[in-house]
């Protein structure tokens, strides 16, 4: 007998690799024609994929490009799921978002800053 490479349904593999929370969500994405397997659009969740295939699909606000390394047997923990694929997408650049401003005349003062302001304020009731 000869060994044929293991194949699995595309929607099931995306679910097992923990890219989507439910299998129906992954099937909906594939049915919508948003997934490419080896640069060819796929619209059937039952499309067979195996090790060596390259998948391109949107996830959140990013486009993921991954290579399938192995076919999983179950939906296991995250460490086990990360062993199923190799991420080929470039690392996303984080926008330069400033942290919350300290009280320097802008932003909301802390309780300590409010106490200092109250001590410096002249009493209007005198």
C-alpha atoms as a PDB file:
ATOM      1  CA  UNK A   1       0.000   0.000   0.000  1.00  0.00           C
ATOM      2  CA  UNK A   2       1.221   3.469  -0.748  1.00  0.00           C
ATOM      3  CA  UNK A   3       0.910   6.428   1.553  1.00  0.00           C
ATOM      4  CA  UNK A   4      -1.136   9.263   0.177  1.00  0.00           C
ATOM      5  CA  UNK A   5      -0.706  12.653   1.811  1.00  0.00           C
ATOM      6  CA  UNK A   6      -3.385  13.331   4.390  1.00  0.00           C
ATOM      7  CA  UNK A   7      -6.166  15.660   3.270  1.00  0.00           C
ATOM      8  CA  UNK A   8      -8.840  17.437   5.290  1.00  0.00           C
ATOM      9  CA  UNK A   9     -11.748  19.782   4.597  1.00  0.00           C
ATOM     10  CA  UNK A  10     -10.684  23.419   4.392  1.00  0.00           C
ATOM     11  CA  UNK A  11     -13.277  24.703   6.857  1.00  0.00           C
ATOM     12  CA  UNK A  12     -12.400  21.971   9.358  1.00  0.00           C
ATOM     13  CA  UNK A  13      -8.663  22.729   9.122  1.00  0.00           C
ATOM     14  CA  UNK A  14      -9.220  26.481   9.656  1.00  0.00           C
ATOM     15  CA  UNK A  15     -11.279  25.636  12.743  1.00  0.00           C
ATOM     16  CA  UNK A  16      -8.745  23.117  14.094  1.00  0.00           C
ATOM     17  CA  UNK A  17      -5.885  25.587  13.602  1.00  0.00           C
ATOM     18  CA  UNK A  18      -7.889  28.063  15.721  1.00  0.00           C
ATOM     19  CA  UNK A  19      -8.247  30.779  13.114  1.00  0.00           C
ATOM     20  CA  UNK A  20     -12.003  30.815  13.719  1.00  0.00           C
ATOM     21  CA  UNK A  21     -14.024  30.161  16.838  1.00  0.00           C
ATOM     22  CA  UNK A  22     -16.571  27.881  15.188  1.00  0.00           C
ATOM     23  CA  UNK A  23     -16.524  25.642  12.159  1.00  0.00           C
ATOM     24  CA  UNK A  24     -19.603  27.374  10.769  1.00  0.00           C
ATOM     25  CA  UNK A  25     -17.751  30.727  10.811  1.00  0.00           C
ATOM     26  CA  UNK A  26     -14.898  29.225   8.816  1.00  0.00           C
ATOM     27  CA  UNK A  27     -17.370  27.600   6.399  1.00  0.00           C
ATOM     28  CA  UNK A  28     -19.130  30.946   5.932  1.00  0.00           C
ATOM     29  CA  UNK A  29     -15.840  32.658   5.059  1.00  0.00           C
ATOM     30  CA  UNK A  30     -14.944  29.952   2.540  1.00  0.00           C
ATOM     31  CA  UNK A  31     -18.447  29.965   1.020  1.00  0.00           C
ATOM     32  CA  UNK A  32     -18.195  33.718   0.553  1.00  0.00           C
ATOM     33  CA  UNK A  33     -15.182  33.205  -1.712  1.00  0.00           C
ATOM     34  CA  UNK A  34     -12.762  34.997   0.607  1.00  0.00           C
ATOM     35  CA  UNK A  35     -10.207  32.168   0.833  1.00  0.00           C
ATOM     36  CA  UNK A  36      -7.495  31.347  -1.702  1.00  0.00           C
ATOM     37  CA  UNK A  37      -5.702  28.004  -1.797  1.00  0.00           C
ATOM     38  CA  UNK A  38      -2.432  28.164  -3.732  1.00  0.00           C
ATOM     39  CA  UNK A  39      -3.605  31.511  -5.236  1.00  0.00           C
ATOM     40  CA  UNK A  40      -6.874  30.023  -6.564  1.00  0.00           C
ATOM     41  CA  UNK A  41     -10.194  31.208  -5.141  1.00  0.00           C
ATOM     42  CA  UNK A  42     -12.151  28.516  -3.340  1.00  0.00           C
ATOM     43  CA  UNK A  43     -15.864  28.759  -2.614  1.00  0.00           C
ATOM     44  CA  UNK A  44     -16.621  25.297  -1.238  1.00  0.00           C
ATOM     45  CA  UNK A  45     -15.915  24.508   2.423  1.00  0.00           C
ATOM     46  CA  UNK A  46     -15.351  20.847   1.511  1.00  0.00           C
ATOM     47  CA  UNK A  47     -12.273  21.681  -0.609  1.00  0.00           C
ATOM     48  CA  UNK A  48      -9.458  19.305   0.389  1.00  0.00           C
ATOM     49  CA  UNK A  49      -6.213  20.769   1.683  1.00  0.00           C
ATOM     50  CA  UNK A  50      -3.044  19.134   2.904  1.00  0.00           C
ATOM     51  CA  UNK A  51       0.524  19.858   3.936  1.00  0.00           C
ATOM     52  CA  UNK A  52       2.295  22.263   1.581  1.00  0.00           C
ATOM     53  CA  UNK A  53      -0.816  24.215   0.555  1.00  0.00           C
ATOM     54  CA  UNK A  54      -0.692  28.001   0.979  1.00  0.00           C
ATOM     55  CA  UNK A  55      -3.852  29.707   2.255  1.00  0.00           C
ATOM     56  CA  UNK A  56      -4.665  33.411   1.967  1.00  0.00           C
ATOM     57  CA  UNK A  57      -7.678  34.740   3.865  1.00  0.00           C
ATOM     58  CA  UNK A  58      -8.821  37.808   5.800  1.00  0.00           C
ATOM     59  CA  UNK A  59      -8.902  37.658   9.581  1.00  0.00           C
ATOM     60  CA  UNK A  60     -10.006  40.676  11.595  1.00  0.00           C
ATOM     61  CA  UNK A  61      -8.416  43.650   9.805  1.00  0.00           C
ATOM     62  CA  UNK A  62      -5.422  41.784   8.413  1.00  0.00           C
ATOM     63  CA  UNK A  63      -4.830  39.392   5.534  1.00  0.00           C
ATOM     64  CA  UNK A  64      -3.219  36.143   6.649  1.00  0.00           C
ATOM     65  CA  UNK A  65      -0.919  34.093   4.436  1.00  0.00           C
ATOM     66  CA  UNK A  66      -0.069  30.696   5.889  1.00  0.00           C
ATOM     67  CA  UNK A  67       1.436  27.411   4.742  1.00  0.00           C
ATOM     68  CA  UNK A  68      -0.105  24.203   6.035  1.00  0.00           C
ATOM     69  CA  UNK A  69       2.544  22.074   7.752  1.00  0.00           C
ATOM     70  CA  UNK A  70       0.382  19.312   9.169  1.00  0.00           C
ATOM     71  CA  UNK A  71      -3.185  18.067   9.309  1.00  0.00           C
ATOM     72  CA  UNK A  72      -4.562  18.019  12.826  1.00  0.00           C
ATOM     73  CA  UNK A  73      -6.477  15.196  14.402  1.00  0.00           C
ATOM     74  CA  UNK A  74      -8.439  17.369  16.812  1.00  0.00           C
ATOM     75  CA  UNK A  75      -8.980  20.968  17.884  1.00  0.00           C
ATOM     76  CA  UNK A  76      -6.448  21.057  20.665  1.00  0.00           C
ATOM     77  CA  UNK A  77      -4.738  23.760  22.692  1.00  0.00           C
ATOM     78  CA  UNK A  78      -3.208  26.817  21.042  1.00  0.00           C
ATOM     79  CA  UNK A  79       0.339  25.436  21.119  1.00  0.00           C
ATOM     80  CA  UNK A  80      -0.809  22.334  19.256  1.00  0.00           C
ATOM     81  CA  UNK A  81      -2.750  24.441  16.755  1.00  0.00           C
ATOM     82  CA  UNK A  82       0.255  26.685  16.015  1.00  0.00           C
ATOM     83  CA  UNK A  83       2.263  23.607  15.046  1.00  0.00           C
ATOM     84  CA  UNK A  84      -0.162  22.988  12.166  1.00  0.00           C
ATOM     85  CA  UNK A  85       0.931  25.996  10.095  1.00  0.00           C
ATOM     86  CA  UNK A  86       3.750  28.373   9.231  1.00  0.00           C
ATOM     87  CA  UNK A  87       2.867  32.075   9.098  1.00  0.00           C
ATOM     88  CA  UNK A  88       4.096  33.715   5.886  1.00  0.00           C
ATOM     89  CA  UNK A  89       2.343  37.067   6.280  1.00  0.00           C
ATOM     90  CA  UNK A  90       4.626  40.013   7.002  1.00  0.00           C
ATOM     91  CA  UNK A  91       4.562  41.252  10.580  1.00  0.00           C
ATOM     92  CA  UNK A  92       1.989  43.999  10.980  1.00  0.00           C
ATOM     93  CA  UNK A  93       3.290  47.411  11.872  1.00  0.00           C
ATOM     94  CA  UNK A  94       1.659  48.800  14.943  1.00  0.00           C
ATOM     95  CA  UNK A  95       0.476  52.374  14.520  1.00  0.00           C
ATOM     96  CA  UNK A  96       2.279  54.915  16.663  1.00  0.00           C
ATOM     97  CA  UNK A  97      -0.482  55.421  19.221  1.00  0.00           C
ATOM     98  CA  UNK A  98       0.502  57.624  22.138  1.00  0.00           C
ATOM     99  CA  UNK A  99      -0.298  56.409  25.602  1.00  0.00           C
ATOM    100  CA  UNK A 100      -2.727  58.243  27.839  1.00  0.00           C
ATOM    101  CA  UNK A 101      -1.413  61.757  28.482  1.00  0.00           C
ATOM    102  CA  UNK A 102      -0.205  62.718  31.927  1.00  0.00           C
ATOM    103  CA  UNK A 103      -1.665  65.803  33.495  1.00  0.00           C
ATOM    104  CA  UNK A 104       0.310  68.685  32.057  1.00  0.00           C
ATOM    105  CA  UNK A 105      -2.613  70.922  31.328  1.00  0.00           C
ATOM    106  CA  UNK A 106      -4.126  68.298  29.037  1.00  0.00           C
ATOM    107  CA  UNK A 107      -6.050  65.176  29.827  1.00  0.00           C
ATOM    108  CA  UNK A 108      -7.773  64.376  33.061  1.00  0.00           C
ATOM    109  CA  UNK A 109      -5.926  65.212  36.303  1.00  0.00           C
ATOM    110  CA  UNK A 110      -5.310  62.540  38.904  1.00  0.00           C
ATOM    111  CA  UNK A 111      -6.702  62.771  42.409  1.00  0.00           C
ATOM    112  CA  UNK A 112      -3.331  63.998  43.647  1.00  0.00           C
ATOM    113  CA  UNK A 113      -3.262  66.722  40.980  1.00  0.00           C
ATOM    114  CA  UNK A 114      -6.799  67.810  41.930  1.00  0.00           C
ATOM    115  CA  UNK A 115      -5.758  68.161  45.568  1.00  0.00           C
ATOM    116  CA  UNK A 116      -2.840  70.375  44.547  1.00  0.00           C
ATOM    117  CA  UNK A 117      -5.173  72.511  42.462  1.00  0.00           C
ATOM    118  CA  UNK A 118      -7.592  72.856  45.382  1.00  0.00           C
ATOM    119  CA  UNK A 119      -4.772  73.983  47.712  1.00  0.00           C
ATOM    120  CA  UNK A 120      -3.722  76.680  45.250  1.00  0.00           C
ATOM    121  CA  UNK A 121      -7.240  77.951  44.662  1.00  0.00           C
ATOM    122  CA  UNK A 122      -8.256  80.949  46.781  1.00  0.00           C
ATOM    123  CA  UNK A 123     -11.283  80.420  48.990  1.00  0.00           C
ATOM    124  CA  UNK A 124     -14.276  82.172  47.456  1.00  0.00           C
ATOM    125  CA  UNK A 125     -16.463  81.799  50.545  1.00  0.00           C
ATOM    126  CA  UNK A 126     -14.289  83.991  52.815  1.00  0.00           C
END
